[in-house]
Amino acid sequence: MSFDLEAIRSQYPALALTDSGTRRIYFDNPAGTQVPVCVAAAIADCLMTKNANLGGYFASSSDADRIVQSAREAMADFLNAPSSDEIIFGQNMTTMTLHLSRSIGRLLRPGDEIILSQMDHDANVWPWVLLARDLELEIRWLPFNKESFEFDLELLDDLLTERTRLLCVGGSSNLTGTLNDVKAICAKAQAAGVLSFIDGVQSAPHIATDVQDLGCDFFVCSSYKFFGPHQGILWGRREVLEQLEPYKVRPAPAELPWCFETGTQSHEGMAGVAATVDYFALIGQTMATEQLKSWSQFSGQRQQVHAAMDLLFDYEKTLTSRLIDGLTGIEGISVQGIATQDAMDRRVPTVSFTHDTVGPAIIAEALAKRNIFVWSGHNYAVEVAKTLGIDKTGGVVRVGPVHYNSIAEIDELLEVLPALLSN
């Protein structure tokens, strides 16, 4: 069985909603996706039948214990982590990064250097800038090429010095959509004895993730970006995590991963995360039989999830190609990202554009009146917007299809845009 869009869409109740008889088209997905029925059901079941704190002798607490462990094991499969004990849960990527930065900061000394990227969401920029301010560290910036929208990694070689201690970069840009060569970046960091912190929030929803193959030290993502609940997940390499002093209250466990999880976690969110990984595994099992062969080193759910991601990314590339081809044919529009048709494997389907005369917010509002949901602005990609010179002009219009979107929805957007821009 190959990719079956109708079978996929039938699992998402939100896709059938209408407003005054007009269907909704969700292209706001880079900010947060819709969820399938199985995820909502798992969350509801946790709240209604397994709602308790952990570590008790009674049935509901034992059920909650199993939910938490199931979520850790599911995310270990999703990321190909060596152990579920390396999976840490939290409120979201931003909160977890701010929290962990305090622990990482205890390894650093005044004058040490952190390399940041000018392509990243501010959640992987400003926590480190604040840390540098507090500890008298130096920030060094890895720029990207404004024409190619990609890094020249030879520049990274020049930035790495004997004082570099940490390198922070995103798997994919939430504004330009560029997929970065994280494996090559982490190899350079590792060779220099530098820790690597990867923001996978925008890459994890689209491409198969293998933290062991990437060679990173930390990888953080948010499940609400990949069809799950509002939940942050951080993987850390055990030998690195064990070097860090966790910031925690005294009664909290001292062992991994508990020591880095502040307070009572969202058990219902964890139940939803486990169900989200189950959703990908089912796609892998039923639709991605060809892709399974590419992941023969894995078995079970881990193999199925990675095969599913390959299948879904292949489909998403057809959406991206159709969208970019249409946008580049509309007078006055400039795509702010990789736009050549032979490079769709080097970007995710998040596509941002500007117009010569009509502001992004005006376009987004006009599309919303037609029930086509998109975002406008800098989308928290502050350094990206500054680099592209659009930070003072309203940023971009951001269109982000995912695997539950259709070619027909792309075409509807492309059909209404010219008339909207001429008014």
Protein backbone atom coordinates (compact mmCIF):
# COMPACT_ATOMS: atom_id res chain seq x y z
CA MET A 1 0.00 0.00 0.00
CA SER A 2 1.42 3.41 -0.98
CA PHE A 3 0.65 6.82 0.51
CA ASP A 4 -3.12 7.18 0.96
CA LEU A 5 -4.04 10.81 1.53
CA GLU A 6 -7.72 10.14 2.16
CA ALA A 7 -6.91 7.54 4.81
CA ILE A 8 -4.58 10.06 6.46
CA ARG A 9 -7.08 12.92 6.37
CA SER A 10 -9.86 10.77 7.79
CA GLN A 11 -7.92 10.55 11.05
CA TYR A 12 -7.98 14.34 11.61
CA PRO A 13 -11.39 15.69 12.69
CA ALA A 14 -10.18 19.29 12.38
CA LEU A 15 -9.76 18.90 8.62
CA ALA A 16 -13.53 18.45 8.24
CA LEU A 17 -14.43 21.65 10.09
CA THR A 18 -16.09 24.49 8.19
CA ASP A 19 -16.85 28.11 9.01
CA SER A 20 -20.00 29.53 7.42
CA GLY A 21 -19.86 26.64 4.97
CA THR A 22 -16.21 27.23 3.97
CA ARG A 23 -13.71 24.48 4.69
CA ARG A 24 -10.55 25.24 6.60
CA ILE A 25 -7.15 24.92 4.94
CA TYR A 26 -4.41 24.53 7.54
CA PHE A 27 -1.13 25.94 6.26
CA ASP A 28 -0.18 27.25 9.71
CA ASN A 29 1.51 23.94 10.58
CA PRO A 30 5.06 25.21 11.33
CA ALA A 31 3.54 26.90 14.37
CA GLY A 32 1.59 23.79 15.39
CA THR A 33 -0.15 20.91 13.64
CA GLN A 34 -3.57 19.33 14.05
CA VAL A 35 -3.79 15.98 15.86
CA PRO A 36 -5.22 12.61 14.81
CA VAL A 37 -8.03 10.95 16.77
CA CYS A 38 -5.68 8.43 18.37
CA VAL A 39 -3.69 11.21 20.06
CA ALA A 40 -6.75 12.97 21.47
CA ALA A 41 -8.12 9.60 22.65
CA ALA A 42 -4.91 8.73 24.48
CA ILE A 43 -4.88 12.11 26.24
CA ALA A 44 -8.54 11.76 27.23
CA ASP A 45 -8.03 8.20 28.48
CA CYS A 46 -5.13 9.30 30.66
CA LEU A 47 -7.14 12.11 32.20
CA MET A 48 -10.27 10.02 32.73
CA THR A 49 -8.86 6.66 33.86
CA LYS A 50 -5.16 7.02 34.72
CA ASN A 51 -4.99 10.42 36.38
CA ALA A 52 -2.53 10.20 39.27
CA ASN A 53 0.95 11.15 40.31
CA LEU A 54 3.81 8.70 39.98
CA GLY A 55 5.31 6.19 42.37
CA GLY A 56 2.24 5.15 44.35
CA TYR A 57 1.12 1.64 45.33
CA PHE A 58 -2.37 2.00 43.84
CA ALA A 59 -3.68 1.20 40.36
CA SER A 60 -4.00 4.64 38.81
CA SER A 61 -0.46 5.57 39.87
CA SER A 62 0.90 2.36 38.37
CA ASP A 63 -0.98 3.21 35.16
CA ALA A 64 0.59 6.67 35.14
CA ASP A 65 4.04 5.12 35.63
CA ARG A 66 3.48 2.97 32.56
CA ILE A 67 2.33 5.95 30.49
CA VAL A 68 5.49 7.89 31.30
CA GLN A 69 7.77 4.97 30.51
CA SER A 70 5.87 4.26 27.29
CA ALA A 71 6.37 7.87 26.19
CA ARG A 72 10.10 7.71 26.87
CA GLU A 73 10.43 4.48 24.91
CA ALA A 74 8.36 5.89 22.05
CA MET A 75 10.55 8.99 21.73
CA ALA A 76 13.68 6.86 21.97
CA ASP A 77 12.35 5.01 18.92
CA PHE A 78 11.42 8.26 17.16
CA LEU A 79 14.92 9.69 17.63
CA ASN A 80 16.89 6.41 17.63
CA ALA A 81 18.18 7.24 21.10
CA PRO A 82 20.36 4.56 22.73
CA SER A 83 18.23 4.57 25.89
CA SER A 84 14.86 5.84 27.07
CA ASP A 85 16.69 7.16 30.16
CA GLU A 86 18.17 9.87 27.92
CA ILE A 87 14.70 11.21 27.01
CA ILE A 88 13.68 14.25 29.07
CA PHE A 89 10.21 15.83 28.95
CA GLY A 90 9.24 19.42 29.61
CA GLN A 91 6.77 22.14 28.74
CA ASN A 92 8.25 23.09 25.37
CA MET A 93 11.58 23.51 23.59
CA THR A 94 12.07 27.11 24.71
CA THR A 95 11.47 26.37 28.38
CA MET A 96 13.71 23.30 28.30
CA THR A 97 16.52 25.18 26.55
CA LEU A 98 16.40 28.03 29.05
CA HIS A 99 16.42 25.51 31.91
CA LEU A 100 19.24 23.33 30.60
CA SER A 101 21.35 26.35 29.71
CA ARG A 102 21.86 26.96 33.44
CA SER A 103 23.35 23.50 33.86
CA ILE A 104 25.52 23.77 30.76
CA GLY A 105 26.67 27.19 31.94
CA ARG A 106 28.32 25.63 34.98
CA LEU A 107 30.84 24.00 32.62
CA LEU A 108 31.84 27.37 31.14
CA ARG A 109 34.23 30.11 32.22
CA PRO A 110 34.53 33.82 31.34
CA GLY A 111 36.00 34.21 27.86
CA ASP A 112 34.68 30.84 26.62
CA GLU A 113 32.87 30.99 23.28
CA ILE A 114 29.46 29.87 22.02
CA ILE A 115 28.75 29.64 18.28
CA LEU A 116 25.20 30.59 17.32
CA SER A 117 23.49 30.54 13.95
CA GLN A 118 21.87 33.49 12.18
CA MET A 119 19.35 31.02 10.72
CA ASP A 120 17.78 29.91 13.99
CA HIS A 121 14.55 30.48 15.86
CA ASP A 122 15.20 32.74 18.84
CA ALA A 123 14.64 29.82 21.22
CA ASN A 124 18.06 28.54 20.17
CA VAL A 125 19.61 32.00 20.20
CA TRP A 126 18.51 34.18 23.08
CA PRO A 127 18.86 31.66 25.93
CA TRP A 128 22.53 31.39 24.99
CA VAL A 129 22.95 35.16 24.56
CA LEU A 130 21.52 35.63 28.05
CA LEU A 131 23.88 32.97 29.39
CA ALA A 132 26.81 34.71 27.71
CA ARG A 133 25.78 38.01 29.28
CA ASP A 134 25.55 36.47 32.74
CA LEU A 135 28.82 34.50 32.55
CA GLU A 136 30.93 36.91 30.45
CA LEU A 137 31.11 34.52 27.51
CA GLU A 138 31.73 35.43 23.87
CA ILE A 139 29.18 34.85 21.11
CA ARG A 140 30.40 34.03 17.59
CA TRP A 141 27.91 33.99 14.71
CA LEU A 142 27.63 31.50 11.87
CA PRO A 143 26.05 33.41 8.94
CA PHE A 144 24.09 31.98 6.03
CA ASN A 145 24.26 32.96 2.38
CA LYS A 146 21.37 35.30 1.51
CA GLU A 147 21.25 34.00 -2.07
CA SER A 148 21.47 30.25 -1.43
CA PHE A 149 19.81 30.38 2.04
CA GLU A 150 22.37 27.81 3.22
CA PHE A 151 25.49 27.74 5.38
CA ASP A 152 29.00 27.73 3.99
CA LEU A 153 30.50 25.28 6.46
CA GLU A 154 34.03 26.43 5.68
CA LEU A 155 33.11 29.51 7.69
CA LEU A 156 32.41 27.26 10.65
CA ASP A 157 36.00 26.03 10.51
CA ASP A 158 37.15 29.63 10.96
CA LEU A 159 34.79 30.21 13.90
CA LEU A 160 35.88 27.19 15.94
CA THR A 161 38.75 28.10 18.28
CA GLU A 162 40.39 26.62 21.34
CA ARG A 163 37.97 28.68 23.48
CA THR A 164 34.81 27.35 21.75
CA ARG A 165 32.75 25.24 24.14
CA LEU A 166 29.27 25.03 22.61
CA LEU A 167 27.71 25.17 19.13
CA CYS A 168 23.94 25.70 18.75
CA VAL A 169 22.17 25.26 15.42
CA GLY A 170 18.77 24.28 14.06
CA GLY A 171 17.96 21.21 12.03
CA SER A 172 15.81 23.36 9.78
CA SER A 173 14.87 27.03 9.60
CA ASN A 174 11.33 27.87 10.64
CA LEU A 175 11.39 30.82 8.20
CA THR A 176 13.41 29.84 5.11
CA GLY A 177 12.74 26.10 5.39
CA THR A 178 16.40 25.21 4.79
CA LEU A 179 17.45 21.75 5.98
CA ASN A 180 20.90 22.03 7.46
CA ASP A 181 23.65 19.44 7.20
CA VAL A 182 23.55 18.75 10.93
CA LYS A 183 25.69 15.63 10.67
CA ALA A 184 28.56 17.57 9.07
CA ILE A 185 28.18 20.40 11.58
CA CYS A 186 28.26 18.03 14.54
CA ALA A 187 31.30 16.23 13.13
CA LYS A 188 33.19 19.52 13.06
CA ALA A 189 32.09 20.31 16.60
CA GLN A 190 33.05 16.87 17.87
CA ALA A 191 36.48 17.03 16.23
CA ALA A 192 37.08 20.34 18.04
CA GLY A 193 35.87 18.99 21.41
CA VAL A 194 32.79 21.24 21.29
CA LEU A 195 29.32 20.33 22.58
CA SER A 196 26.51 20.54 20.02
CA PHE A 197 22.93 21.56 20.83
CA ILE A 198 20.49 20.92 17.96
CA ASP A 199 17.06 22.54 17.73
CA GLY A 200 15.08 19.89 15.85
CA VAL A 201 11.68 21.54 16.25
CA GLN A 202 11.31 22.20 12.52
CA SER A 203 13.22 19.20 11.14
CA ALA A 204 11.73 16.43 13.30
CA PRO A 205 8.21 16.78 11.81
CA HIS A 206 9.51 16.14 8.30
CA ILE A 207 12.59 13.93 8.18
CA ALA A 208 13.65 10.76 9.94
CA THR A 209 15.85 11.62 12.92
CA ASP A 210 18.72 9.47 14.15
CA VAL A 211 20.59 11.25 16.94
CA GLN A 212 23.28 8.59 16.99
CA ASP A 213 24.01 9.10 13.31
CA LEU A 214 23.92 12.89 13.65
CA GLY A 215 26.58 12.79 16.34
CA CYS A 216 25.04 15.61 18.38
CA ASP A 217 25.14 15.96 22.16
CA PHE A 218 21.64 17.39 22.61
CA PHE A 219 18.57 17.30 20.38
CA VAL A 220 15.37 19.05 21.36
CA CYS A 221 11.95 19.09 19.68
CA SER A 222 8.27 19.75 20.38
CA SER A 223 5.58 17.17 19.66
CA TYR A 224 2.89 19.72 18.84
CA LYS A 225 4.86 20.42 15.68
CA PHE A 226 4.51 16.77 14.62
CA PHE A 227 0.82 15.98 15.22
CA GLY A 228 1.02 15.57 18.98
CA PRO A 229 0.22 17.56 22.14
CA HIS A 230 2.00 20.62 23.51
CA GLN A 231 5.04 18.89 24.92
CA GLY A 232 8.78 19.47 24.76
CA ILE A 233 11.23 16.58 24.42
CA LEU A 234 15.00 16.72 24.88
CA TRP A 235 17.47 13.95 24.16
CA GLY A 236 20.89 14.27 25.74
CA ARG A 237 23.90 12.02 25.41
CA ARG A 238 24.20 10.16 28.71
CA GLU A 239 27.89 10.86 29.29
CA VAL A 240 27.25 14.58 28.77
CA LEU A 241 24.12 14.72 30.91
CA GLU A 242 26.00 13.03 33.72
CA GLN A 243 28.55 15.86 33.69
CA LEU A 244 25.84 18.45 34.32
CA GLU A 245 24.44 19.61 37.63
CA PRO A 246 20.65 19.57 37.35
CA TYR A 247 18.71 22.50 38.77
CA LYS A 248 16.05 20.78 40.85
CA VAL A 249 14.33 20.80 44.23
CA ARG A 250 15.83 18.61 46.97
CA PRO A 251 13.23 15.78 47.04
CA ALA A 252 13.40 15.29 43.26
CA PRO A 253 15.23 12.15 42.08
CA ALA A 254 18.94 12.45 41.39
CA GLU A 255 18.90 9.89 38.56
CA LEU A 256 18.44 10.40 34.84
CA PRO A 257 16.13 11.48 33.34
CA TRP A 258 14.09 12.55 36.36
CA CYS A 259 16.66 14.99 37.71
CA PHE A 260 16.18 17.33 34.73
CA GLU A 261 12.37 17.27 34.84
CA THR A 262 11.21 20.04 37.14
CA GLY A 263 8.01 19.34 39.02
CA THR A 264 5.13 17.09 38.00
CA GLN A 265 5.06 16.56 34.25
CA SER A 266 2.06 16.48 31.92
CA HIS A 267 1.25 12.77 32.00
CA GLU A 268 -1.62 13.31 29.59
CA GLY A 269 0.82 15.04 27.26
CA MET A 270 3.17 12.09 27.51
CA ALA A 271 0.28 9.74 26.69
CA GLY A 272 -0.35 11.85 23.61
CA VAL A 273 3.31 11.68 22.60
CA ALA A 274 3.30 7.87 22.78
CA ALA A 275 0.15 7.81 20.64
CA THR A 276 1.75 10.17 18.12
CA VAL A 277 4.69 7.82 17.65
CA ASP A 278 2.21 4.93 17.33
CA TYR A 279 0.50 6.93 14.56
CA PHE A 280 3.76 7.18 12.60
CA ALA A 281 4.49 3.51 13.21
CA LEU A 282 1.12 2.51 11.77
CA ILE A 283 1.83 4.54 8.63
CA GLY A 284 5.18 2.82 8.37
CA GLN A 285 3.61 -0.58 8.80
CA THR A 286 0.76 -0.07 6.32
CA MET A 287 1.97 2.45 3.73
CA ALA A 288 5.77 2.54 3.81
CA THR A 289 6.63 -1.06 3.00
CA GLU A 290 9.22 -0.01 0.42
CA GLN A 291 10.85 2.48 2.77
CA LEU A 292 11.16 -0.17 5.49
CA LYS A 293 14.00 -1.73 3.49
CA SER A 294 16.11 1.41 3.95
CA TRP A 295 15.94 0.98 7.74
CA SER A 296 16.74 -2.70 8.00
CA GLN A 297 19.24 -1.93 10.80
CA PHE A 298 16.21 -1.21 13.00
CA SER A 299 13.24 -3.38 13.91
CA GLY A 300 9.70 -2.99 15.19
CA GLN A 301 8.36 0.47 15.93
CA ARG A 302 11.75 2.13 15.43
CA GLN A 303 11.98 0.83 11.87
CA GLN A 304 8.35 1.62 11.09
CA VAL A 305 8.59 5.22 12.33
CA HIS A 306 11.71 6.00 10.30
CA ALA A 307 10.22 4.42 7.18
CA ALA A 308 7.05 6.48 7.66
CA MET A 309 9.03 9.70 7.88
CA ASP A 310 10.74 8.93 4.55
CA LEU A 311 7.39 8.22 2.90
CA LEU A 312 5.77 11.37 4.24
CA PHE A 313 8.71 13.58 3.31
CA ASP A 314 8.58 12.25 -0.26
CA TYR A 315 4.93 13.29 -0.44
CA GLU A 316 5.61 16.66 1.19
CA LYS A 317 8.21 17.39 -1.47
CA THR A 318 5.48 17.21 -4.13
CA LEU A 319 3.51 19.82 -2.17
CA THR A 320 6.58 22.02 -1.77
CA SER A 321 7.43 21.80 -5.46
CA ARG A 322 3.88 22.72 -6.52
CA LEU A 323 3.73 25.60 -4.03
CA ILE A 324 7.08 27.13 -4.96
CA ASP A 325 6.48 26.71 -8.69
CA GLY A 326 3.19 28.55 -8.33
CA LEU A 327 4.51 31.32 -6.10
CA THR A 328 7.46 32.11 -8.36
CA GLY A 329 5.02 32.56 -11.23
CA ILE A 330 3.11 35.34 -9.45
CA GLU A 331 4.35 38.84 -10.22
CA GLY A 332 5.87 40.68 -7.27
CA ILE A 333 6.41 37.60 -5.08
CA SER A 334 9.86 36.60 -3.86
CA VAL A 335 10.32 33.24 -2.15
CA GLN A 336 12.60 33.70 0.86
CA GLY A 337 14.24 30.29 0.70
CA ILE A 338 15.55 27.57 -1.60
CA ALA A 339 13.38 27.66 -4.70
CA THR A 340 15.07 25.52 -7.35
CA GLN A 341 13.05 22.44 -8.23
CA ASP A 342 16.04 20.09 -8.02
CA ALA A 343 16.72 21.07 -4.39
CA MET A 344 13.47 20.09 -2.67
CA ASP A 345 15.34 17.49 -0.60
CA ARG A 346 17.40 20.29 0.97
CA ARG A 347 14.41 22.04 2.48
CA VAL A 348 11.23 21.28 4.42
CA PRO A 349 7.79 22.33 3.10
CA THR A 350 7.80 25.55 5.16
CA VAL A 351 7.75 28.23 2.44
CA SER A 352 7.98 31.96 3.16
CA PHE A 353 7.50 34.79 0.70
CA THR A 354 7.32 38.56 0.43
CA HIS A 355 5.56 40.80 -2.08
CA ASP A 356 6.87 43.99 -3.63
CA THR A 357 3.95 46.17 -2.55
CA VAL A 358 1.57 44.29 -0.26
CA GLY A 359 2.62 43.66 3.36
CA PRO A 360 2.69 40.16 4.87
CA ALA A 361 0.08 40.88 7.53
CA ILE A 362 -2.36 42.21 4.91
CA ILE A 363 -1.90 39.05 2.83
CA ALA A 364 -2.30 36.76 5.85
CA GLU A 365 -5.46 38.54 6.97
CA ALA A 366 -6.96 38.41 3.47
CA LEU A 367 -6.23 34.68 3.24
CA ALA A 368 -7.78 34.12 6.68
CA LYS A 369 -11.04 35.63 5.39
CA ARG A 370 -11.01 32.83 2.79
CA ASN A 371 -10.33 30.29 5.57
CA ILE A 372 -6.75 29.68 4.42
CA PHE A 373 -4.62 29.74 7.55
CA VAL A 374 -1.07 31.12 7.29
CA TRP A 375 1.27 33.12 9.50
CA SER A 376 3.00 36.44 8.92
CA GLY A 377 5.87 38.29 10.58
CA HIS A 378 9.34 37.14 11.63
CA ASN A 379 7.92 34.04 13.34
CA TYR A 380 10.52 34.40 16.12
CA ALA A 381 13.31 33.97 13.57
CA VAL A 382 14.72 37.35 14.57
CA GLU A 383 18.27 36.91 13.25
CA VAL A 384 17.00 35.46 9.95
CA ALA A 385 14.72 38.44 9.39
CA LYS A 386 17.56 40.85 10.17
CA THR A 387 19.91 39.06 7.78
CA LEU A 388 17.34 39.16 4.98
CA GLY A 389 16.53 42.81 5.67
CA ILE A 390 12.83 42.17 6.27
CA ASP A 391 12.70 42.76 10.01
CA LYS A 392 11.40 46.33 9.55
CA THR A 393 8.96 45.53 6.70
CA GLY A 394 6.66 43.02 8.35
CA GLY A 395 8.64 39.85 7.81
CA VAL A 396 7.17 37.19 5.54
CA VAL A 397 4.03 35.29 4.73
CA ARG A 398 4.71 31.72 5.86
CA VAL A 399 2.89 28.79 4.25
CA GLY A 400 3.59 25.40 5.80
CA PRO A 401 1.88 22.35 4.28
CA VAL A 402 2.35 18.91 5.85
CA HIS A 403 1.39 15.40 4.86
CA TYR A 404 -2.34 15.85 5.57
CA ASN A 405 -2.54 18.71 3.07
CA SER A 406 -3.41 18.18 -0.57
CA ILE A 407 -2.35 19.44 -3.97
CA ALA A 408 -5.90 20.80 -4.33
CA GLU A 409 -5.36 22.98 -1.23
CA ILE A 410 -2.08 24.27 -2.65
CA ASP A 411 -3.82 25.10 -5.92
CA GLU A 412 -6.61 26.93 -4.10
CA LEU A 413 -4.07 29.17 -2.37
CA LEU A 414 -2.28 29.85 -5.66
CA GLU A 415 -5.58 30.62 -7.37
CA VAL A 416 -6.72 33.27 -4.89
CA LEU A 417 -3.36 34.98 -4.37
CA PRO A 418 -3.09 36.98 -7.65
CA ALA A 419 -6.50 38.59 -7.24
CA LEU A 420 -5.83 39.29 -3.59
CA LEU A 421 -2.51 40.99 -4.40
CA SER A 422 -4.02 43.19 -7.10
CA ASN A 423 -6.73 44.66 -4.89
